[in-house]
Amino acid sequence: QVQLVESGGGLVQAGGSLRLSCAASGTIFSINNMGWYRQAPGKQRELVALITNGGRTDYADSVKGRFTISRDNAKNTVHLQMNSLKPEDTAVYYCNLENPFSKGTEYWGQGTQVTVSS
């Protein structure tokens, strides 16, 4: 009964910032790899950022230098700090959990809408 709940989305002007949060339950959070994905209308879902159980991070080229992923294992949460937002960042953002000890086992949140106006 793993559950992921995203929050923090909204409407922001270009150049602004948002901080997304994902709260996990029903799992030993610290063992999991976590990721943020996004999907815009008419586009394929893409990986935005990931953070492993060891704290290693990676980012899509399109957001590198602007977005930062972090995790707080004590609070079972993962965050995505988004700065210098662009209209192209507009999408539904999804939190993803992968259990590295059970490959193919992953969970998704319901998503949170991010809209960046010009």
N, C-alpha and C. Protein backbone atom coordinates (compact mmCIF):
# COMPACT_ATOMS: atom_id res chain seq x y z
N GLN A 1 0.80 -1.19 0.00
CA GLN A 1 0.00 0.00 0.00
C GLN A 1 0.85 1.27 0.00
N VAL A 2 1.84 1.29 -0.90
CA VAL A 2 2.66 2.48 -1.05
C VAL A 2 1.82 3.60 -1.65
N GLN A 3 1.93 4.79 -1.08
CA GLN A 3 1.23 5.95 -1.58
C GLN A 3 2.18 7.13 -1.71
N LEU A 4 2.02 7.89 -2.78
CA LEU A 4 2.80 9.09 -3.03
C LEU A 4 1.83 10.24 -3.26
N VAL A 5 2.05 11.35 -2.57
CA VAL A 5 1.17 12.50 -2.68
C VAL A 5 2.01 13.74 -2.99
N GLU A 6 1.80 14.32 -4.17
CA GLU A 6 2.52 15.52 -4.58
C GLU A 6 1.77 16.77 -4.15
N SER A 7 2.52 17.84 -3.95
CA SER A 7 1.94 19.14 -3.64
C SER A 7 2.91 20.23 -4.08
N GLY A 8 2.42 21.45 -4.13
CA GLY A 8 3.27 22.59 -4.41
C GLY A 8 3.15 23.17 -5.81
N GLY A 9 2.38 22.53 -6.67
CA GLY A 9 2.19 23.06 -8.01
C GLY A 9 1.34 24.31 -7.99
N GLY A 10 1.29 24.99 -9.13
CA GLY A 10 0.50 26.19 -9.23
C GLY A 10 0.84 26.99 -10.46
N LEU A 11 0.37 28.22 -10.47
CA LEU A 11 0.59 29.15 -11.57
C LEU A 11 1.66 30.15 -11.16
N VAL A 12 2.65 30.33 -12.02
CA VAL A 12 3.75 31.24 -11.74
C VAL A 12 4.18 31.93 -13.03
N GLN A 13 4.69 33.14 -12.90
CA GLN A 13 5.20 33.86 -14.06
C GLN A 13 6.58 33.35 -14.44
N ALA A 14 6.91 33.51 -15.72
CA ALA A 14 8.24 33.14 -16.19
C ALA A 14 9.30 33.84 -15.34
N GLY A 15 10.33 33.10 -14.98
CA GLY A 15 11.37 33.61 -14.12
C GLY A 15 11.14 33.35 -12.65
N GLY A 16 9.95 32.91 -12.30
CA GLY A 16 9.61 32.65 -10.92
C GLY A 16 10.05 31.28 -10.45
N SER A 17 9.67 30.95 -9.23
CA SER A 17 10.08 29.69 -8.61
C SER A 17 8.91 28.97 -7.97
N LEU A 18 9.02 27.65 -7.91
CA LEU A 18 8.08 26.80 -7.19
C LEU A 18 8.87 25.68 -6.53
N ARG A 19 8.32 25.17 -5.44
CA ARG A 19 8.93 24.03 -4.75
C ARG A 19 7.89 22.93 -4.63
N LEU A 20 8.13 21.82 -5.32
CA LEU A 20 7.25 20.68 -5.27
C LEU A 20 7.68 19.73 -4.16
N SER A 21 6.71 19.08 -3.54
CA SER A 21 6.99 18.11 -2.50
C SER A 21 6.23 16.82 -2.79
N CYS A 22 6.80 15.71 -2.38
CA CYS A 22 6.18 14.41 -2.52
C CYS A 22 6.35 13.66 -1.21
N ALA A 23 5.24 13.32 -0.58
CA ALA A 23 5.25 12.59 0.67
C ALA A 23 4.93 11.12 0.41
N ALA A 24 5.77 10.24 0.92
CA ALA A 24 5.60 8.80 0.73
C ALA A 24 5.16 8.13 2.02
N SER A 25 4.36 7.10 1.87
CA SER A 25 3.95 6.28 3.01
C SER A 25 3.88 4.82 2.58
N GLY A 26 3.92 3.92 3.54
CA GLY A 26 3.82 2.51 3.25
C GLY A 26 5.09 1.88 2.75
N THR A 27 6.23 2.51 2.99
CA THR A 27 7.52 2.00 2.53
C THR A 27 8.62 2.48 3.44
N ILE A 28 9.73 1.73 3.44
CA ILE A 28 10.94 2.23 4.10
C ILE A 28 11.58 3.19 3.11
N PHE A 29 11.31 4.46 3.29
CA PHE A 29 11.61 5.46 2.29
C PHE A 29 13.08 5.50 1.89
N SER A 30 13.96 5.37 2.87
CA SER A 30 15.38 5.58 2.63
C SER A 30 16.01 4.59 1.65
N ILE A 31 15.40 3.45 1.42
CA ILE A 31 15.98 2.46 0.52
C ILE A 31 15.63 2.70 -0.94
N ASN A 32 14.70 3.60 -1.20
CA ASN A 32 14.17 3.77 -2.54
C ASN A 32 14.86 4.87 -3.34
N ASN A 33 14.90 4.67 -4.64
CA ASN A 33 15.29 5.73 -5.56
C ASN A 33 14.04 6.53 -5.90
N MET A 34 14.18 7.84 -5.96
CA MET A 34 13.05 8.73 -6.21
C MET A 34 13.29 9.58 -7.44
N GLY A 35 12.22 9.89 -8.15
CA GLY A 35 12.35 10.71 -9.33
C GLY A 35 11.15 11.62 -9.53
N TRP A 36 11.39 12.70 -10.25
CA TRP A 36 10.33 13.58 -10.71
C TRP A 36 10.25 13.48 -12.23
N TYR A 37 9.05 13.26 -12.74
CA TYR A 37 8.77 13.22 -14.16
C TYR A 37 7.75 14.30 -14.49
N ARG A 38 7.65 14.64 -15.76
CA ARG A 38 6.61 15.58 -16.18
C ARG A 38 6.07 15.18 -17.53
N GLN A 39 4.83 15.58 -17.78
CA GLN A 39 4.19 15.32 -19.05
C GLN A 39 3.35 16.53 -19.45
N ALA A 40 3.69 17.10 -20.59
CA ALA A 40 2.94 18.21 -21.15
C ALA A 40 1.96 17.69 -22.20
N PRO A 41 0.88 18.43 -22.48
CA PRO A 41 -0.08 17.98 -23.48
C PRO A 41 0.58 17.70 -24.82
N GLY A 42 0.30 16.53 -25.38
CA GLY A 42 0.84 16.16 -26.66
C GLY A 42 2.29 15.72 -26.64
N LYS A 43 2.88 15.62 -25.47
CA LYS A 43 4.28 15.24 -25.36
C LYS A 43 4.44 13.97 -24.52
N GLN A 44 5.56 13.31 -24.70
CA GLN A 44 5.87 12.11 -23.96
C GLN A 44 6.31 12.45 -22.54
N ARG A 45 5.97 11.59 -21.61
CA ARG A 45 6.43 11.76 -20.24
C ARG A 45 7.95 11.67 -20.21
N GLU A 46 8.59 12.56 -19.48
CA GLU A 46 10.04 12.60 -19.44
C GLU A 46 10.55 12.70 -18.01
N LEU A 47 11.72 12.14 -17.81
CA LEU A 47 12.38 12.25 -16.52
C LEU A 47 12.95 13.65 -16.37
N VAL A 48 12.66 14.28 -15.24
CA VAL A 48 13.17 15.61 -14.95
C VAL A 48 14.39 15.53 -14.04
N ALA A 49 14.28 14.78 -12.96
CA ALA A 49 15.37 14.66 -12.00
C ALA A 49 15.21 13.38 -11.22
N LEU A 50 16.32 12.83 -10.74
CA LEU A 50 16.27 11.65 -9.90
C LEU A 50 17.27 11.77 -8.78
N ILE A 51 16.99 11.06 -7.71
CA ILE A 51 17.91 10.98 -6.58
C ILE A 51 17.86 9.56 -6.05
N THR A 52 19.03 8.95 -5.90
CA THR A 52 19.11 7.57 -5.47
C THR A 52 19.04 7.46 -3.95
N ASN A 53 18.98 6.21 -3.48
CA ASN A 53 18.97 6.00 -2.03
C ASN A 53 20.27 6.46 -1.38
N GLY A 54 21.32 6.58 -2.18
CA GLY A 54 22.60 7.08 -1.68
C GLY A 54 22.79 8.57 -1.83
N GLY A 55 21.79 9.26 -2.39
CA GLY A 55 21.86 10.71 -2.51
C GLY A 55 22.46 11.22 -3.80
N ARG A 56 22.76 10.34 -4.73
CA ARG A 56 23.28 10.78 -6.04
C ARG A 56 22.14 11.33 -6.87
N THR A 57 22.41 12.39 -7.64
CA THR A 57 21.38 13.07 -8.42
C THR A 57 21.73 13.13 -9.89
N ASP A 58 20.69 13.27 -10.71
CA ASP A 58 20.87 13.48 -12.13
C ASP A 58 19.69 14.30 -12.63
N TYR A 59 19.90 15.06 -13.72
CA TYR A 59 18.89 15.96 -14.23
C TYR A 59 18.81 15.89 -15.74
N ALA A 60 17.62 16.17 -16.25
CA ALA A 60 17.48 16.36 -17.68
C ALA A 60 18.25 17.61 -18.10
N ASP A 61 18.83 17.57 -19.29
CA ASP A 61 19.60 18.71 -19.76
C ASP A 61 18.78 20.01 -19.75
N SER A 62 17.49 19.90 -20.02
CA SER A 62 16.65 21.07 -20.13
C SER A 62 16.43 21.80 -18.80
N VAL A 63 16.69 21.13 -17.68
CA VAL A 63 16.47 21.76 -16.38
C VAL A 63 17.74 21.89 -15.57
N LYS A 64 18.83 21.36 -16.06
CA LYS A 64 20.10 21.39 -15.32
C LYS A 64 20.50 22.83 -15.03
N GLY A 65 20.85 23.08 -13.79
CA GLY A 65 21.23 24.42 -13.37
C GLY A 65 20.07 25.25 -12.87
N ARG A 66 18.85 24.81 -13.12
CA ARG A 66 17.66 25.53 -12.68
C ARG A 66 16.88 24.79 -11.61
N PHE A 67 16.85 23.46 -11.68
CA PHE A 67 16.09 22.63 -10.75
C PHE A 67 17.04 21.88 -9.82
N THR A 68 16.59 21.64 -8.59
CA THR A 68 17.35 20.87 -7.63
C THR A 68 16.44 19.86 -6.94
N ILE A 69 16.82 18.59 -6.97
CA ILE A 69 16.08 17.55 -6.28
C ILE A 69 16.78 17.24 -4.96
N SER A 70 15.99 17.00 -3.92
CA SER A 70 16.54 16.67 -2.62
C SER A 70 15.60 15.73 -1.89
N ARG A 71 16.10 15.07 -0.86
CA ARG A 71 15.25 14.17 -0.09
C ARG A 71 15.51 14.36 1.39
N ASP A 72 14.47 14.14 2.18
CA ASP A 72 14.53 14.20 3.62
C ASP A 72 14.01 12.86 4.13
N ASN A 73 14.92 11.95 4.40
CA ASN A 73 14.51 10.60 4.79
C ASN A 73 13.77 10.58 6.12
N ALA A 74 14.10 11.51 7.01
CA ALA A 74 13.42 11.57 8.30
C ALA A 74 11.95 11.92 8.15
N LYS A 75 11.61 12.64 7.09
CA LYS A 75 10.24 13.05 6.86
C LYS A 75 9.58 12.32 5.69
N ASN A 76 10.28 11.35 5.12
CA ASN A 76 9.75 10.56 4.01
C ASN A 76 9.28 11.43 2.85
N THR A 77 10.09 12.42 2.51
CA THR A 77 9.71 13.34 1.44
C THR A 77 10.84 13.56 0.46
N VAL A 78 10.46 13.89 -0.76
CA VAL A 78 11.39 14.32 -1.78
C VAL A 78 10.87 15.64 -2.33
N HIS A 79 11.79 16.54 -2.64
CA HIS A 79 11.43 17.88 -3.10
C HIS A 79 12.05 18.17 -4.46
N LEU A 80 11.42 19.08 -5.17
CA LEU A 80 11.98 19.59 -6.41
C LEU A 80 11.89 21.11 -6.37
N GLN A 81 13.02 21.76 -6.17
CA GLN A 81 13.08 23.21 -6.19
C GLN A 81 13.27 23.65 -7.64
N MET A 82 12.34 24.44 -8.14
CA MET A 82 12.35 24.88 -9.53
C MET A 82 12.53 26.39 -9.58
N ASN A 83 13.64 26.83 -10.12
CA ASN A 83 13.94 28.25 -10.26
C ASN A 83 14.01 28.63 -11.73
N SER A 84 13.93 29.93 -11.99
CA SER A 84 14.02 30.45 -13.36
C SER A 84 13.08 29.71 -14.29
N LEU A 85 11.85 29.56 -13.88
CA LEU A 85 10.88 28.78 -14.65
C LEU A 85 10.58 29.43 -16.00
N LYS A 86 10.36 28.56 -16.98
CA LYS A 86 10.06 28.96 -18.34
C LYS A 86 8.70 28.40 -18.75
N PRO A 87 8.03 29.03 -19.72
CA PRO A 87 6.77 28.47 -20.20
C PRO A 87 6.88 27.01 -20.64
N GLU A 88 8.04 26.62 -21.15
CA GLU A 88 8.26 25.25 -21.59
C GLU A 88 8.24 24.24 -20.43
N ASP A 89 8.32 24.73 -19.20
CA ASP A 89 8.25 23.86 -18.04
C ASP A 89 6.82 23.48 -17.67
N THR A 90 5.85 24.10 -18.32
CA THR A 90 4.45 23.82 -18.02
C THR A 90 4.13 22.35 -18.30
N ALA A 91 3.61 21.67 -17.29
CA ALA A 91 3.32 20.23 -17.39
C ALA A 91 2.71 19.76 -16.09
N VAL A 92 2.22 18.53 -16.11
CA VAL A 92 1.87 17.85 -14.87
C VAL A 92 3.11 17.12 -14.39
N TYR A 93 3.48 17.35 -13.15
CA TYR A 93 4.68 16.77 -12.57
C TYR A 93 4.30 15.60 -11.66
N TYR A 94 4.97 14.48 -11.86
CA TYR A 94 4.67 13.25 -11.13
C TYR A 94 5.87 12.79 -10.31
N CYS A 95 5.60 12.34 -9.11
CA CYS A 95 6.59 11.73 -8.25
C CYS A 95 6.64 10.23 -8.52
N ASN A 96 7.84 9.68 -8.57
CA ASN A 96 8.04 8.26 -8.86
C ASN A 96 8.94 7.63 -7.80
N LEU A 97 8.57 6.44 -7.38
CA LEU A 97 9.35 5.68 -6.41
C LEU A 97 9.74 4.34 -7.03
N GLU A 98 11.02 4.00 -6.96
CA GLU A 98 11.52 2.72 -7.46
C GLU A 98 12.21 1.98 -6.33
N ASN A 99 11.84 0.72 -6.17
CA ASN A 99 12.49 -0.14 -5.19
C ASN A 99 13.64 -0.85 -5.88
N PRO A 100 14.89 -0.50 -5.57
CA PRO A 100 16.02 -1.12 -6.28
C PRO A 100 16.20 -2.59 -5.94
N PHE A 101 15.57 -3.07 -4.89
CA PHE A 101 15.65 -4.47 -4.50
C PHE A 101 14.55 -5.31 -5.14
N SER A 102 13.71 -4.68 -5.91
CA SER A 102 12.66 -5.36 -6.66
C SER A 102 12.49 -4.65 -7.99
N LYS A 103 13.38 -4.93 -8.92
CA LYS A 103 13.37 -4.26 -10.21
C LYS A 103 12.03 -4.45 -10.92
N GLY A 104 11.53 -3.38 -11.48
CA GLY A 104 10.23 -3.41 -12.12
C GLY A 104 9.11 -2.99 -11.20
N THR A 105 9.41 -2.84 -9.92
CA THR A 105 8.41 -2.40 -8.96
C THR A 105 8.56 -0.90 -8.74
N GLU A 106 7.56 -0.15 -9.15
CA GLU A 106 7.58 1.29 -8.96
C GLU A 106 6.17 1.81 -8.72
N TYR A 107 6.10 3.02 -8.18
CA TYR A 107 4.83 3.64 -7.83
C TYR A 107 4.82 5.09 -8.29
N TRP A 108 3.62 5.59 -8.54
CA TRP A 108 3.44 6.95 -9.03
C TRP A 108 2.43 7.71 -8.18
N GLY A 109 2.68 9.01 -8.04
CA GLY A 109 1.71 9.88 -7.42
C GLY A 109 0.65 10.31 -8.42
N GLN A 110 -0.30 11.10 -7.97
CA GLN A 110 -1.40 11.56 -8.82
C GLN A 110 -1.01 12.72 -9.72
N GLY A 111 0.05 13.40 -9.39
CA GLY A 111 0.53 14.51 -10.20
C GLY A 111 0.08 15.85 -9.66
N THR A 112 0.86 16.87 -9.97
CA THR A 112 0.52 18.24 -9.61
C THR A 112 0.82 19.15 -10.81
N GLN A 113 -0.12 20.04 -11.11
CA GLN A 113 -0.01 20.89 -12.29
C GLN A 113 0.90 22.08 -12.02
N VAL A 114 1.84 22.30 -12.94
CA VAL A 114 2.69 23.47 -12.93
C VAL A 114 2.43 24.24 -14.22
N THR A 115 2.04 25.49 -14.09
CA THR A 115 1.77 26.33 -15.25
C THR A 115 2.62 27.60 -15.15
N VAL A 116 3.42 27.84 -16.18
CA VAL A 116 4.30 29.00 -16.22
C VAL A 116 3.82 29.92 -17.32
N SER A 117 3.43 31.12 -16.96
CA SER A 117 2.92 32.09 -17.92
C SER A 117 4.02 33.01 -18.39
N SER A 118 3.87 33.51 -19.61
CA SER A 118 4.84 34.44 -20.18
C SER A 118 4.40 35.88 -20.01
